[in-house]
């Protein structure tokens, strides 16, 4: 297996604020990162899941904006179909990987809950 040194970073998962040793491979030093993305789940150095929550919030906003003509208040689509679209498209976005990042702090989870409530009101 060959690592791509241009795309590689290393993240040390810890609550300590100290600097840690550098990581090298074949004499090349990897830069230290604060976050990393694995299977569309953002892992930050302290595992606060803040980056993940903001990424999901942004993704939800873009998707809802695209679907507003069908989910918005002026849409003639019945509430049953709107609910079905919400469950199959929007709900799957914000629950993806929730078994990992569901332990985020309440303040981070509230960001998504407020957005979810806002999209429910517009139905």
PDB file of N, CA and C in Angstrom:
ATOM      1  N   UNK A   1       0.856  -1.174   0.000  1.00  0.00           N
ATOM      2  CA  UNK A   1       0.000   0.000   0.000  1.00  0.00           C
ATOM      3  C   UNK A   1       0.898   1.231   0.000  1.00  0.00           C
ATOM      4  N   UNK A   2       0.539   2.191  -0.808  1.00  0.00           N
ATOM      5  CA  UNK A   2       1.326   3.411  -0.921  1.00  0.00           C
ATOM      6  C   UNK A   2       0.493   4.588  -0.436  1.00  0.00           C
ATOM      7  N   UNK A   3       1.045   5.365   0.467  1.00  0.00           N
ATOM      8  CA  UNK A   3       0.346   6.539   1.000  1.00  0.00           C
ATOM      9  C   UNK A   3       0.619   7.739   0.107  1.00  0.00           C
ATOM     10  N   UNK A   4      -0.399   8.549  -0.108  1.00  0.00           N
ATOM     11  CA  UNK A   4      -0.264   9.788  -0.860  1.00  0.00           C
ATOM     12  C   UNK A   4       0.131  10.887   0.109  1.00  0.00           C
ATOM     13  N   UNK A   5       1.398  11.305   0.033  1.00  0.00           N
ATOM     14  CA  UNK A   5       1.895  12.294   0.996  1.00  0.00           C
ATOM     15  C   UNK A   5       1.245  13.662   0.821  1.00  0.00           C
ATOM     16  N   UNK A   6       0.720  13.947  -0.376  1.00  0.00           N
ATOM     17  CA  UNK A   6       0.083  15.249  -0.609  1.00  0.00           C
ATOM     18  C   UNK A   6      -1.282  15.353   0.054  1.00  0.00           C
ATOM     19  N   UNK A   7      -1.950  14.230   0.253  1.00  0.00           N
ATOM     20  CA  UNK A   7      -3.292  14.238   0.838  1.00  0.00           C
ATOM     21  C   UNK A   7      -3.315  13.783   2.283  1.00  0.00           C
ATOM     22  N   UNK A   8      -2.211  13.303   2.798  1.00  0.00           N
ATOM     23  CA  UNK A   8      -2.193  12.698   4.130  1.00  0.00           C
ATOM     24  C   UNK A   8      -1.902  13.718   5.218  1.00  0.00           C
ATOM     25  N   UNK A   9      -2.608  13.561   6.318  1.00  0.00           N
ATOM     26  CA  UNK A   9      -2.341  14.319   7.537  1.00  0.00           C
ATOM     27  C   UNK A   9      -2.451  13.347   8.699  1.00  0.00           C
ATOM     28  N   UNK A  10      -2.008  13.773   9.847  1.00  0.00           N
ATOM     29  CA  UNK A  10      -2.216  12.939  11.024  1.00  0.00           C
ATOM     30  C   UNK A  10      -2.945  13.746  12.085  1.00  0.00           C
ATOM     31  N   UNK A  11      -3.826  13.071  12.777  1.00  0.00           N
ATOM     32  CA  UNK A  11      -4.605  13.682  13.843  1.00  0.00           C
ATOM     33  C   UNK A  11      -4.398  12.845  15.093  1.00  0.00           C
ATOM     34  N   UNK A  12      -4.021  13.500  16.172  1.00  0.00           N
ATOM     35  CA  UNK A  12      -3.886  12.824  17.460  1.00  0.00           C
ATOM     36  C   UNK A  12      -5.147  13.103  18.254  1.00  0.00           C
ATOM     37  N   UNK A  13      -5.900  12.063  18.563  1.00  0.00           N
ATOM     38  CA  UNK A  13      -7.156  12.214  19.294  1.00  0.00           C
ATOM     39  C   UNK A  13      -6.866  12.229  20.783  1.00  0.00           C
ATOM     40  N   UNK A  14      -7.026  13.382  21.382  1.00  0.00           N
ATOM     41  CA  UNK A  14      -6.738  13.549  22.803  1.00  0.00           C
ATOM     42  C   UNK A  14      -7.390  14.819  23.316  1.00  0.00           C
ATOM     43  N   UNK A  15      -7.553  14.893  24.621  1.00  0.00           N
ATOM     44  CA  UNK A  15      -8.050  16.115  25.250  1.00  0.00           C
ATOM     45  C   UNK A  15      -6.915  17.050  25.637  1.00  0.00           C
ATOM     46  N   UNK A  16      -5.684  16.569  25.611  1.00  0.00           N
ATOM     47  CA  UNK A  16      -4.536  17.400  25.956  1.00  0.00           C
ATOM     48  C   UNK A  16      -4.267  18.425  24.862  1.00  0.00           C
ATOM     49  N   UNK A  17      -3.724  19.559  25.249  1.00  0.00           N
ATOM     50  CA  UNK A  17      -3.421  20.616  24.295  1.00  0.00           C
ATOM     51  C   UNK A  17      -1.949  20.623  23.899  1.00  0.00           C
ATOM     52  N   UNK A  18      -1.192  19.680  24.377  1.00  0.00           N
ATOM     53  CA  UNK A  18       0.244  19.634  24.113  1.00  0.00           C
ATOM     54  C   UNK A  18       0.507  19.285  22.654  1.00  0.00           C
ATOM     55  N   UNK A  19       1.691  19.710  22.194  1.00  0.00           N
ATOM     56  CA  UNK A  19       2.123  19.313  20.860  1.00  0.00           C
ATOM     57  C   UNK A  19       2.676  17.899  20.931  1.00  0.00           C
ATOM     58  N   UNK A  20       2.454  17.132  19.910  1.00  0.00           N
ATOM     59  CA  UNK A  20       2.907  15.751  19.873  1.00  0.00           C
ATOM     60  C   UNK A  20       3.941  15.581  18.793  1.00  0.00           C
ATOM     61  N   UNK A  21       4.597  14.465  18.840  1.00  0.00           N
ATOM     62  CA  UNK A  21       5.645  14.186  17.869  1.00  0.00           C
ATOM     63  C   UNK A  21       5.095  14.204  16.455  1.00  0.00           C
ATOM     64  N   UNK A  22       6.001  14.459  15.540  1.00  0.00           N
ATOM     65  CA  UNK A  22       5.603  14.443  14.147  1.00  0.00           C
ATOM     66  C   UNK A  22       5.573  13.008  13.643  1.00  0.00           C
ATOM     67  N   UNK A  23       4.796  12.789  12.602  1.00  0.00           N
ATOM     68  CA  UNK A  23       4.679  11.469  11.999  1.00  0.00           C
ATOM     69  C   UNK A  23       5.352  11.521  10.635  1.00  0.00           C
ATOM     70  N   UNK A  24       6.256  10.593  10.402  1.00  0.00           N
ATOM     71  CA  UNK A  24       6.955  10.555   9.125  1.00  0.00           C
ATOM     72  C   UNK A  24       6.783   9.182   8.488  1.00  0.00           C
ATOM     73  N   UNK A  25       6.810   9.169   7.182  1.00  0.00           N
ATOM     74  CA  UNK A  25       6.752   7.936   6.413  1.00  0.00           C
ATOM     75  C   UNK A  25       7.711   8.095   5.244  1.00  0.00           C
ATOM     76  N   UNK A  26       8.665   7.207   5.145  1.00  0.00           N
ATOM     77  CA  UNK A  26       9.701   7.266   4.103  1.00  0.00           C
ATOM     78  C   UNK A  26      10.430   8.607   4.106  1.00  0.00           C
ATOM     79  N   UNK A  27      10.639   9.154   5.281  1.00  0.00           N
ATOM     80  CA  UNK A  27      11.351  10.417   5.413  1.00  0.00           C
ATOM     81  C   UNK A  27      10.504  11.654   5.167  1.00  0.00           C
ATOM     82  N   UNK A  28       9.263  11.486   4.792  1.00  0.00           N
ATOM     83  CA  UNK A  28       8.364  12.618   4.566  1.00  0.00           C
ATOM     84  C   UNK A  28       7.497  12.839   5.792  1.00  0.00           C
ATOM     85  N   UNK A  29       7.438  14.078   6.224  1.00  0.00           N
ATOM     86  CA  UNK A  29       6.668  14.423   7.426  1.00  0.00           C
ATOM     87  C   UNK A  29       5.234  14.756   7.043  1.00  0.00           C
ATOM     88  N   UNK A  30       4.283  14.136   7.757  1.00  0.00           N
ATOM     89  CA  UNK A  30       2.872  14.440   7.538  1.00  0.00           C
ATOM     90  C   UNK A  30       2.496  15.655   8.364  1.00  0.00           C
ATOM     91  N   UNK A  31       1.750  16.594   7.788  1.00  0.00           N
ATOM     92  CA  UNK A  31       1.302  17.732   8.584  1.00  0.00           C
ATOM     93  C   UNK A  31       0.241  17.305   9.593  1.00  0.00           C
ATOM     94  N   UNK A  32       0.241  18.001  10.708  1.00  0.00           N
ATOM     95  CA  UNK A  32      -0.737  17.698  11.749  1.00  0.00           C
ATOM     96  C   UNK A  32      -2.044  18.399  11.421  1.00  0.00           C
ATOM     97  N   UNK A  33      -3.152  17.679  11.532  1.00  0.00           N
ATOM     98  CA  UNK A  33      -4.464  18.253  11.249  1.00  0.00           C
ATOM     99  C   UNK A  33      -5.320  18.294  12.498  1.00  0.00           C
ATOM    100  N   UNK A  34      -6.354  19.098  12.437  1.00  0.00           N
ATOM    101  CA  UNK A  34      -7.305  19.186  13.541  1.00  0.00           C
ATOM    102  C   UNK A  34      -8.503  18.277  13.327  1.00  0.00           C
ATOM    103  N   UNK A  35      -8.838  18.021  12.061  1.00  0.00           N
ATOM    104  CA  UNK A  35      -9.968  17.151  11.737  1.00  0.00           C
ATOM    105  C   UNK A  35      -9.588  16.215  10.600  1.00  0.00           C
ATOM    106  N   UNK A  36     -10.336  15.156  10.494  1.00  0.00           N
ATOM    107  CA  UNK A  36     -10.172  14.224   9.393  1.00  0.00           C
ATOM    108  C   UNK A  36     -11.547  13.696   9.022  1.00  0.00           C
ATOM    109  N   UNK A  37     -11.721  13.332   7.757  1.00  0.00           N
ATOM    110  CA  UNK A  37     -12.998  12.817   7.297  1.00  0.00           C
ATOM    111  C   UNK A  37     -12.815  11.359   6.902  1.00  0.00           C
ATOM    112  N   UNK A  38     -13.665  10.498   7.457  1.00  0.00           N
ATOM    113  CA  UNK A  38     -13.629   9.074   7.152  1.00  0.00           C
ATOM    114  C   UNK A  38     -15.056   8.621   6.891  1.00  0.00           C
ATOM    115  N   UNK A  39     -15.329   8.151   5.677  1.00  0.00           N
ATOM    116  CA  UNK A  39     -16.666   7.717   5.275  1.00  0.00           C
ATOM    117  C   UNK A  39     -17.716   8.803   5.541  1.00  0.00           C
ATOM    118  N   UNK A  40     -17.385  10.046   5.208  1.00  0.00           N
ATOM    119  CA  UNK A  40     -18.249  11.212   5.370  1.00  0.00           C
ATOM    120  C   UNK A  40     -18.597  11.518   6.816  1.00  0.00           C
ATOM    121  N   UNK A  41     -17.789  11.052   7.734  1.00  0.00           N
ATOM    122  CA  UNK A  41     -17.936  11.415   9.135  1.00  0.00           C
ATOM    123  C   UNK A  41     -16.684  12.174   9.541  1.00  0.00           C
ATOM    124  N   UNK A  42     -16.871  13.398  10.027  1.00  0.00           N
ATOM    125  CA  UNK A  42     -15.748  14.234  10.418  1.00  0.00           C
ATOM    126  C   UNK A  42     -15.350  13.925  11.856  1.00  0.00           C
ATOM    127  N   UNK A  43     -14.084  13.636  12.036  1.00  0.00           N
ATOM    128  CA  UNK A  43     -13.534  13.362  13.358  1.00  0.00           C
ATOM    129  C   UNK A  43     -12.607  14.512  13.721  1.00  0.00           C
ATOM    130  N   UNK A  44     -12.901  15.217  14.798  1.00  0.00           N
ATOM    131  CA  UNK A  44     -11.996  16.277  15.212  1.00  0.00           C
ATOM    132  C   UNK A  44     -11.110  15.776  16.350  1.00  0.00           C
ATOM    133  N   UNK A  45     -10.064  16.502  16.595  1.00  0.00           N
ATOM    134  CA  UNK A  45      -9.010  16.087  17.518  1.00  0.00           C
ATOM    135  C   UNK A  45      -9.541  15.763  18.911  1.00  0.00           C
ATOM    136  N   UNK A  46     -10.529  16.497  19.367  1.00  0.00           N
ATOM    137  CA  UNK A  46     -11.058  16.293  20.720  1.00  0.00           C
ATOM    138  C   UNK A  46     -12.365  15.507  20.739  1.00  0.00           C
ATOM    139  N   UNK A  47     -12.790  15.038  19.566  1.00  0.00           N
ATOM    140  CA  UNK A  47     -14.024  14.271  19.402  1.00  0.00           C
ATOM    141  C   UNK A  47     -15.244  14.992  19.978  1.00  0.00           C
ATOM    142  N   UNK A  48     -15.340  16.283  19.661  1.00  0.00           N
ATOM    143  CA  UNK A  48     -16.508  17.052  20.077  1.00  0.00           C
ATOM    144  C   UNK A  48     -17.622  16.951  19.051  1.00  0.00           C
ATOM    145  N   UNK A  49     -17.303  16.514  17.852  1.00  0.00           N
ATOM    146  CA  UNK A  49     -18.248  16.316  16.748  1.00  0.00           C
ATOM    147  C   UNK A  49     -18.813  17.618  16.213  1.00  0.00           C
ATOM    148  N   UNK A  50     -18.234  18.742  16.578  1.00  0.00           N
ATOM    149  CA  UNK A  50     -18.722  20.045  16.116  1.00  0.00           C
ATOM    150  C   UNK A  50     -18.621  20.164  14.587  1.00  0.00           C
ATOM    151  N   UNK A  51     -17.506  19.737  14.023  1.00  0.00           N
ATOM    152  CA  UNK A  51     -17.329  19.802  12.574  1.00  0.00           C
ATOM    153  C   UNK A  51     -18.361  18.930  11.877  1.00  0.00           C
ATOM    154  N   UNK A  52     -18.635  17.757  12.432  1.00  0.00           N
ATOM    155  CA  UNK A  52     -19.624  16.846  11.858  1.00  0.00           C
ATOM    156  C   UNK A  52     -21.011  17.475  11.873  1.00  0.00           C
ATOM    157  N   UNK A  53     -21.379  18.077  12.980  1.00  0.00           N
ATOM    158  CA  UNK A  53     -22.705  18.690  13.104  1.00  0.00           C
ATOM    159  C   UNK A  53     -22.858  19.835  12.117  1.00  0.00           C
ATOM    160  N   UNK A  54     -21.841  20.683  11.993  1.00  0.00           N
ATOM    161  CA  UNK A  54     -21.939  21.798  11.057  1.00  0.00           C
ATOM    162  C   UNK A  54     -21.961  21.314   9.608  1.00  0.00           C
ATOM    163  N   UNK A  55     -21.230  20.251   9.302  1.00  0.00           N
ATOM    164  CA  UNK A  55     -21.260  19.690   7.946  1.00  0.00           C
ATOM    165  C   UNK A  55     -22.643  19.139   7.623  1.00  0.00           C
ATOM    166  N   UNK A  56     -23.257  18.432   8.569  1.00  0.00           N
ATOM    167  CA  UNK A  56     -24.604  17.897   8.359  1.00  0.00           C
ATOM    168  C   UNK A  56     -25.613  19.029   8.222  1.00  0.00           C
ATOM    169  N   UNK A  57     -25.474  20.059   9.019  1.00  0.00           N
ATOM    170  CA  UNK A  57     -26.384  21.206   8.970  1.00  0.00           C
ATOM    171  C   UNK A  57     -26.298  21.882   7.610  1.00  0.00           C
ATOM    172  N   UNK A  58     -25.087  22.058   7.108  1.00  0.00           N
ATOM    173  CA  UNK A  58     -24.914  22.678   5.802  1.00  0.00           C
ATOM    174  C   UNK A  58     -25.499  21.798   4.706  1.00  0.00           C
ATOM    175  N   UNK A  59     -25.255  20.500   4.779  1.00  0.00           N
ATOM    176  CA  UNK A  59     -25.782  19.570   3.785  1.00  0.00           C
ATOM    177  C   UNK A  59     -27.316  19.561   3.809  1.00  0.00           C
ATOM    178  N   UNK A  60     -27.891  19.589   5.006  1.00  0.00           N
ATOM    179  CA  UNK A  60     -29.354  19.641   5.122  1.00  0.00           C
ATOM    180  C   UNK A  60     -29.910  20.918   4.514  1.00  0.00           C
ATOM    181  N   UNK A  61     -29.249  22.028   4.776  1.00  0.00           N
ATOM    182  CA  UNK A  61     -29.707  23.305   4.238  1.00  0.00           C
ATOM    183  C   UNK A  61     -29.712  23.315   2.722  1.00  0.00           C
ATOM    184  N   UNK A  62     -28.659  22.809   2.117  1.00  0.00           N
ATOM    185  CA  UNK A  62     -28.582  22.760   0.661  1.00  0.00           C
ATOM    186  C   UNK A  62     -29.642  21.837   0.072  1.00  0.00           C
ATOM    187  N   UNK A  63     -29.817  20.687   0.681  1.00  0.00           N
ATOM    188  CA  UNK A  63     -30.800  19.727   0.164  1.00  0.00           C
ATOM    189  C   UNK A  63     -32.223  20.260   0.325  1.00  0.00           C
ATOM    190  N   UNK A  64     -32.507  20.878   1.471  1.00  0.00           N
ATOM    191  CA  UNK A  64     -33.844  21.429   1.683  1.00  0.00           C
ATOM    192  C   UNK A  64     -34.123  22.565   0.707  1.00  0.00           C
ATOM    193  N   UNK A  65     -33.100  23.364   0.420  1.00  0.00           N
ATOM    194  CA  UNK A  65     -33.249  24.451  -0.533  1.00  0.00           C
ATOM    195  C   UNK A  65     -33.592  23.902  -1.921  1.00  0.00           C
ATOM    196  N   UNK A  66     -32.961  22.798  -2.298  1.00  0.00           N
ATOM    197  CA  UNK A  66     -33.251  22.177  -3.585  1.00  0.00           C
ATOM    198  C   UNK A  66     -34.665  21.614  -3.628  1.00  0.00           C
ATOM    199  N   UNK A  67     -35.142  21.149  -2.491  1.00  0.00           N
ATOM    200  CA  UNK A  67     -36.444  20.480  -2.440  1.00  0.00           C
ATOM    201  C   UNK A  67     -37.576  21.413  -2.003  1.00  0.00           C
ATOM    202  N   UNK A  68     -37.299  22.687  -1.795  1.00  0.00           N
ATOM    203  CA  UNK A  68     -38.300  23.580  -1.235  1.00  0.00           C
ATOM    204  C   UNK A  68     -39.549  23.663  -2.099  1.00  0.00           C
ATOM    205  N   UNK A  69     -39.386  23.580  -3.391  1.00  0.00           N
ATOM    206  CA  UNK A  69     -40.558  23.678  -4.275  1.00  0.00           C
ATOM    207  C   UNK A  69     -41.525  22.525  -4.059  1.00  0.00           C
ATOM    208  N   UNK A  70     -41.043  21.402  -3.517  1.00  0.00           N
ATOM    209  CA  UNK A  70     -41.962  20.291  -3.226  1.00  0.00           C
ATOM    210  C   UNK A  70     -42.336  20.218  -1.749  1.00  0.00           C
ATOM    211  N   UNK A  71     -41.470  20.708  -0.868  1.00  0.00           N
ATOM    212  CA  UNK A  71     -41.738  20.600   0.567  1.00  0.00           C
ATOM    213  C   UNK A  71     -42.246  21.898   1.187  1.00  0.00           C
ATOM    214  N   UNK A  72     -42.156  22.998   0.472  1.00  0.00           N
ATOM    215  CA  UNK A  72     -42.523  24.298   1.017  1.00  0.00           C
ATOM    216  C   UNK A  72     -44.019  24.437   1.261  1.00  0.00           C
ATOM    217  N   UNK A  73     -44.392  25.544   1.858  1.00  0.00           N
ATOM    218  CA  UNK A  73     -45.787  25.788   2.226  1.00  0.00           C
ATOM    219  C   UNK A  73     -46.712  25.930   1.022  1.00  0.00           C
ATOM    220  N   UNK A  74     -46.180  26.456  -0.066  1.00  0.00           N
ATOM    221  CA  UNK A  74     -47.013  26.686  -1.250  1.00  0.00           C
ATOM    222  C   UNK A  74     -47.137  25.438  -2.126  1.00  0.00           C
ATOM    223  N   UNK A  75     -46.465  24.390  -1.763  1.00  0.00           N
ATOM    224  CA  UNK A  75     -46.533  23.159  -2.540  1.00  0.00           C
ATOM    225  C   UNK A  75     -47.910  22.518  -2.372  1.00  0.00           C
ATOM    226  N   UNK A  76     -48.445  21.991  -3.443  1.00  0.00           N
ATOM    227  CA  UNK A  76     -49.757  21.338  -3.393  1.00  0.00           C
ATOM    228  C   UNK A  76     -49.641  19.861  -3.036  1.00  0.00           C
ATOM    229  N   UNK A  77     -48.437  19.405  -2.770  1.00  0.00           N
ATOM    230  CA  UNK A  77     -48.214  18.008  -2.397  1.00  0.00           C
ATOM    231  C   UNK A  77     -48.855  17.733  -1.035  1.00  0.00           C
ATOM    232  N   UNK A  78     -49.468  16.589  -0.870  1.00  0.00           N
ATOM    233  CA  UNK A  78     -50.131  16.281   0.400  1.00  0.00           C
ATOM    234  C   UNK A  78     -49.094  16.096   1.510  1.00  0.00           C
ATOM    235  N   UNK A  79     -49.540  16.265   2.734  1.00  0.00           N
ATOM    236  CA  UNK A  79     -48.652  16.163   3.885  1.00  0.00           C
ATOM    237  C   UNK A  79     -48.058  14.757   4.006  1.00  0.00           C
ATOM    238  N   UNK A  80     -48.793  13.745   3.586  1.00  0.00           N
ATOM    239  CA  UNK A  80     -48.277  12.377   3.641  1.00  0.00           C
ATOM    240  C   UNK A  80     -47.062  12.205   2.730  1.00  0.00           C
ATOM    241  N   UNK A  81     -47.132  12.766   1.514  1.00  0.00           N
ATOM    242  CA  UNK A  81     -46.021  12.666   0.581  1.00  0.00           C
ATOM    243  C   UNK A  81     -44.839  13.521   1.033  1.00  0.00           C
ATOM    244  N   UNK A  82     -45.143  14.684   1.614  1.00  0.00           N
ATOM    245  CA  UNK A  82     -44.072  15.526   2.150  1.00  0.00           C
ATOM    246  C   UNK A  82     -43.340  14.806   3.273  1.00  0.00           C
ATOM    247  N   UNK A  83     -44.083  14.150   4.137  1.00  0.00           N
ATOM    248  CA  UNK A  83     -43.485  13.412   5.233  1.00  0.00           C
ATOM    249  C   UNK A  83     -42.636  12.253   4.714  1.00  0.00           C
ATOM    250  N   UNK A  84     -43.133  11.580   3.704  1.00  0.00           N
ATOM    251  CA  UNK A  84     -42.381  10.477   3.109  1.00  0.00           C
ATOM    252  C   UNK A  84     -41.073  10.974   2.495  1.00  0.00           C
ATOM    253  N   UNK A  85     -41.116  12.107   1.810  1.00  0.00           N
ATOM    254  CA  UNK A  85     -39.896  12.681   1.234  1.00  0.00           C
ATOM    255  C   UNK A  85     -38.926  13.103   2.328  1.00  0.00           C
ATOM    256  N   UNK A  86     -39.451  13.683   3.398  1.00  0.00           N
ATOM    257  CA  UNK A  86     -38.607  14.085   4.517  1.00  0.00           C
ATOM    258  C   UNK A  86     -37.899  12.871   5.115  1.00  0.00           C
ATOM    259  N   UNK A  87     -38.647  11.815   5.343  1.00  0.00           N
ATOM    260  CA  UNK A  87     -38.070  10.620   5.971  1.00  0.00           C
ATOM    261  C   UNK A  87     -37.045   9.936   5.078  1.00  0.00           C
ATOM    262  N   UNK A  88     -37.274   9.918   3.778  1.00  0.00           N
ATOM    263  CA  UNK A  88     -36.362   9.201   2.895  1.00  0.00           C
ATOM    264  C   UNK A  88     -35.147  10.017   2.490  1.00  0.00           C
ATOM    265  N   UNK A  89     -35.249  11.335   2.466  1.00  0.00           N
ATOM    266  CA  UNK A  89     -34.130  12.148   1.985  1.00  0.00           C
ATOM    267  C   UNK A  89     -33.478  12.940   3.112  1.00  0.00           C
ATOM    268  N   UNK A  90     -34.211  13.819   3.745  1.00  0.00           N
ATOM    269  CA  UNK A  90     -33.609  14.694   4.757  1.00  0.00           C
ATOM    270  C   UNK A  90     -33.247  13.947   6.035  1.00  0.00           C
ATOM    271  N   UNK A  91     -34.120  13.085   6.500  1.00  0.00           N
ATOM    272  CA  UNK A  91     -33.849  12.378   7.751  1.00  0.00           C
ATOM    273  C   UNK A  91     -32.627  11.469   7.624  1.00  0.00           C
ATOM    274  N   UNK A  92     -32.438  10.862   6.468  1.00  0.00           N
ATOM    275  CA  UNK A  92     -31.268   9.997   6.292  1.00  0.00           C
ATOM    276  C   UNK A  92     -29.974  10.788   6.295  1.00  0.00           C
ATOM    277  N   UNK A  93     -30.008  12.035   5.854  1.00  0.00           N
ATOM    278  CA  UNK A  93     -28.798  12.864   5.869  1.00  0.00           C
ATOM    279  C   UNK A  93     -28.360  13.127   7.299  1.00  0.00           C
ATOM    280  N   UNK A  94     -29.290  13.547   8.137  1.00  0.00           N
ATOM    281  CA  UNK A  94     -28.842  13.949   9.473  1.00  0.00           C
ATOM    282  C   UNK A  94     -28.681  12.784  10.427  1.00  0.00           C
ATOM    283  N   UNK A  95     -29.189  11.621  10.092  1.00  0.00           N
ATOM    284  CA  UNK A  95     -28.961  10.471  10.980  1.00  0.00           C
ATOM    285  C   UNK A  95     -27.816   9.581  10.536  1.00  0.00           C
ATOM    286  N   UNK A  96     -27.186   9.881   9.395  1.00  0.00           N
ATOM    287  CA  UNK A  96     -26.068   9.058   8.936  1.00  0.00           C
ATOM    288  C   UNK A  96     -24.926   9.113   9.956  1.00  0.00           C
ATOM    289  N   UNK A  97     -24.522   7.972  10.447  1.00  0.00           N
ATOM    290  CA  UNK A  97     -23.418   7.885  11.390  1.00  0.00           C
ATOM    291  C   UNK A  97     -23.749   8.353  12.792  1.00  0.00           C
ATOM    292  N   UNK A  98     -25.026   8.479  13.107  1.00  0.00           N
ATOM    293  CA  UNK A  98     -25.414   9.026  14.409  1.00  0.00           C
ATOM    294  C   UNK A  98     -24.986   8.126  15.569  1.00  0.00           C
ATOM    295  N   UNK A  99     -24.755   6.853  15.299  1.00  0.00           N
ATOM    296  CA  UNK A  99     -24.283   5.970  16.369  1.00  0.00           C
ATOM    297  C   UNK A  99     -22.912   6.413  16.872  1.00  0.00           C
ATOM    298  N   UNK A 100     -22.142   7.072  16.015  1.00  0.00           N
ATOM    299  CA  UNK A 100     -20.835   7.579  16.434  1.00  0.00           C
ATOM    300  C   UNK A 100     -20.939   8.967  17.025  1.00  0.00           C
ATOM    301  N   UNK A 101     -21.534   9.893  16.271  1.00  0.00           N
ATOM    302  CA  UNK A 101     -21.518  11.280  16.723  1.00  0.00           C
ATOM    303  C   UNK A 101     -22.742  11.659  17.529  1.00  0.00           C
ATOM    304  N   UNK A 102     -23.600  10.694  17.824  1.00  0.00           N
ATOM    305  CA  UNK A 102     -24.776  10.973  18.641  1.00  0.00           C
ATOM    306  C   UNK A 102     -24.446  11.319  20.081  1.00  0.00           C
ATOM    307  N   UNK A 103     -23.216  11.077  20.480  1.00  0.00           N
ATOM    308  CA  UNK A 103     -22.783  11.411  21.835  1.00  0.00           C
ATOM    309  C   UNK A 103     -22.206  12.821  21.914  1.00  0.00           C
ATOM    310  N   UNK A 104     -22.443  13.618  20.902  1.00  0.00           N
ATOM    311  CA  UNK A 104     -21.950  14.999  20.905  1.00  0.00           C
ATOM    312  C   UNK A 104     -22.619  15.781  22.018  1.00  0.00           C
ATOM    313  N   UNK A 105     -22.037  16.920  22.333  1.00  0.00           N
ATOM    314  CA  UNK A 105     -22.609  17.739  23.403  1.00  0.00           C
ATOM    315  C   UNK A 105     -24.001  18.219  23.008  1.00  0.00           C
ATOM    316  N   UNK A 106     -24.784  18.541  24.001  1.00  0.00           N
ATOM    317  CA  UNK A 106     -26.158  18.989  23.762  1.00  0.00           C
ATOM    318  C   UNK A 106     -26.204  20.248  22.904  1.00  0.00           C
ATOM    319  N   UNK A 107     -25.234  21.151  23.094  1.00  0.00           N
ATOM    320  CA  UNK A 107     -25.237  22.387  22.309  1.00  0.00           C
ATOM    321  C   UNK A 107     -25.029  22.091  20.825  1.00  0.00           C
ATOM    322  N   UNK A 108     -24.234  21.080  20.504  1.00  0.00           N
ATOM    323  CA  UNK A 108     -24.042  20.721  19.099  1.00  0.00           C
ATOM    324  C   UNK A 108     -25.259  20.013  18.534  1.00  0.00           C
ATOM    325  N   UNK A 109     -25.867  19.141  19.310  1.00  0.00           N
ATOM    326  CA  UNK A 109     -27.059  18.432  18.842  1.00  0.00           C
ATOM    327  C   UNK A 109     -28.226  19.402  18.662  1.00  0.00           C
ATOM    328  N   UNK A 110     -28.308  20.427  19.506  1.00  0.00           N
ATOM    329  CA  UNK A 110     -29.390  21.404  19.399  1.00  0.00           C
ATOM    330  C   UNK A 110     -29.371  22.138  18.064  1.00  0.00           C
ATOM    331  N   UNK A 111     -28.201  22.277  17.454  1.00  0.00           N
ATOM    332  CA  UNK A 111     -28.094  22.924  16.145  1.00  0.00           C
ATOM    333  C   UNK A 111     -28.933  22.165  15.132  1.00  0.00           C
ATOM    334  N   UNK A 112     -28.811  20.847  15.142  1.00  0.00           N
ATOM    335  CA  UNK A 112     -29.592  20.035  14.210  1.00  0.00           C
ATOM    336  C   UNK A 112     -31.062  19.979  14.596  1.00  0.00           C
ATOM    337  N   UNK A 113     -31.336  19.934  15.892  1.00  0.00           N
ATOM    338  CA  UNK A 113     -32.729  19.881  16.329  1.00  0.00           C
ATOM    339  C   UNK A 113     -33.474  21.160  15.957  1.00  0.00           C
ATOM    340  N   UNK A 114     -32.805  22.302  16.084  1.00  0.00           N
ATOM    341  CA  UNK A 114     -33.433  23.564  15.696  1.00  0.00           C
ATOM    342  C   UNK A 114     -33.705  23.581  14.201  1.00  0.00           C
ATOM    343  N   UNK A 115     -32.765  23.085  13.430  1.00  0.00           N
ATOM    344  CA  UNK A 115     -32.975  23.053  11.985  1.00  0.00           C
ATOM    345  C   UNK A 115     -34.089  22.084  11.621  1.00  0.00           C
ATOM    346  N   UNK A 116     -34.123  20.935  12.278  1.00  0.00           N
ATOM    347  CA  UNK A 116     -35.177  19.965  12.006  1.00  0.00           C
ATOM    348  C   UNK A 116     -36.543  20.576  12.324  1.00  0.00           C
ATOM    349  N   UNK A 117     -36.633  21.287  13.429  1.00  0.00           N
ATOM    350  CA  UNK A 117     -37.891  21.929  13.805  1.00  0.00           C
ATOM    351  C   UNK A 117     -38.279  22.983  12.782  1.00  0.00           C
ATOM    352  N   UNK A 118     -37.289  23.741  12.287  1.00  0.00           N
ATOM    353  CA  UNK A 118     -37.554  24.783  11.309  1.00  0.00           C
ATOM    354  C   UNK A 118     -38.102  24.174  10.014  1.00  0.00           C
ATOM    355  N   UNK A 119     -37.552  23.041   9.579  1.00  0.00           N
ATOM    356  CA  UNK A 119     -38.036  22.430   8.345  1.00  0.00           C
ATOM    357  C   UNK A 119     -39.413  21.807   8.548  1.00  0.00           C
ATOM    358  N   UNK A 120     -39.717  21.357   9.752  1.00  0.00           N
ATOM    359  CA  UNK A 120     -41.045  20.798  10.024  1.00  0.00           C
ATOM    360  C   UNK A 120     -42.108  21.882  10.001  1.00  0.00           C
ATOM    361  N   UNK A 121     -41.750  23.076  10.458  1.00  0.00           N
ATOM    362  CA  UNK A 121     -42.706  24.182  10.474  1.00  0.00           C
ATOM    363  C   UNK A 121     -43.075  24.588   9.054  1.00  0.00           C
ATOM    364  N   UNK A 122     -42.123  24.516   8.138  1.00  0.00           N
ATOM    365  CA  UNK A 122     -42.393  24.979   6.781  1.00  0.00           C
ATOM    366  C   UNK A 122     -43.206  23.988   5.973  1.00  0.00           C
ATOM    367  N   UNK A 123     -43.499  22.812   6.529  1.00  0.00           N
ATOM    368  CA  UNK A 123     -44.271  21.815   5.781  1.00  0.00           C
ATOM    369  C   UNK A 123     -45.730  22.190   5.701  1.00  0.00           C
TER     370      UNK A 123
END
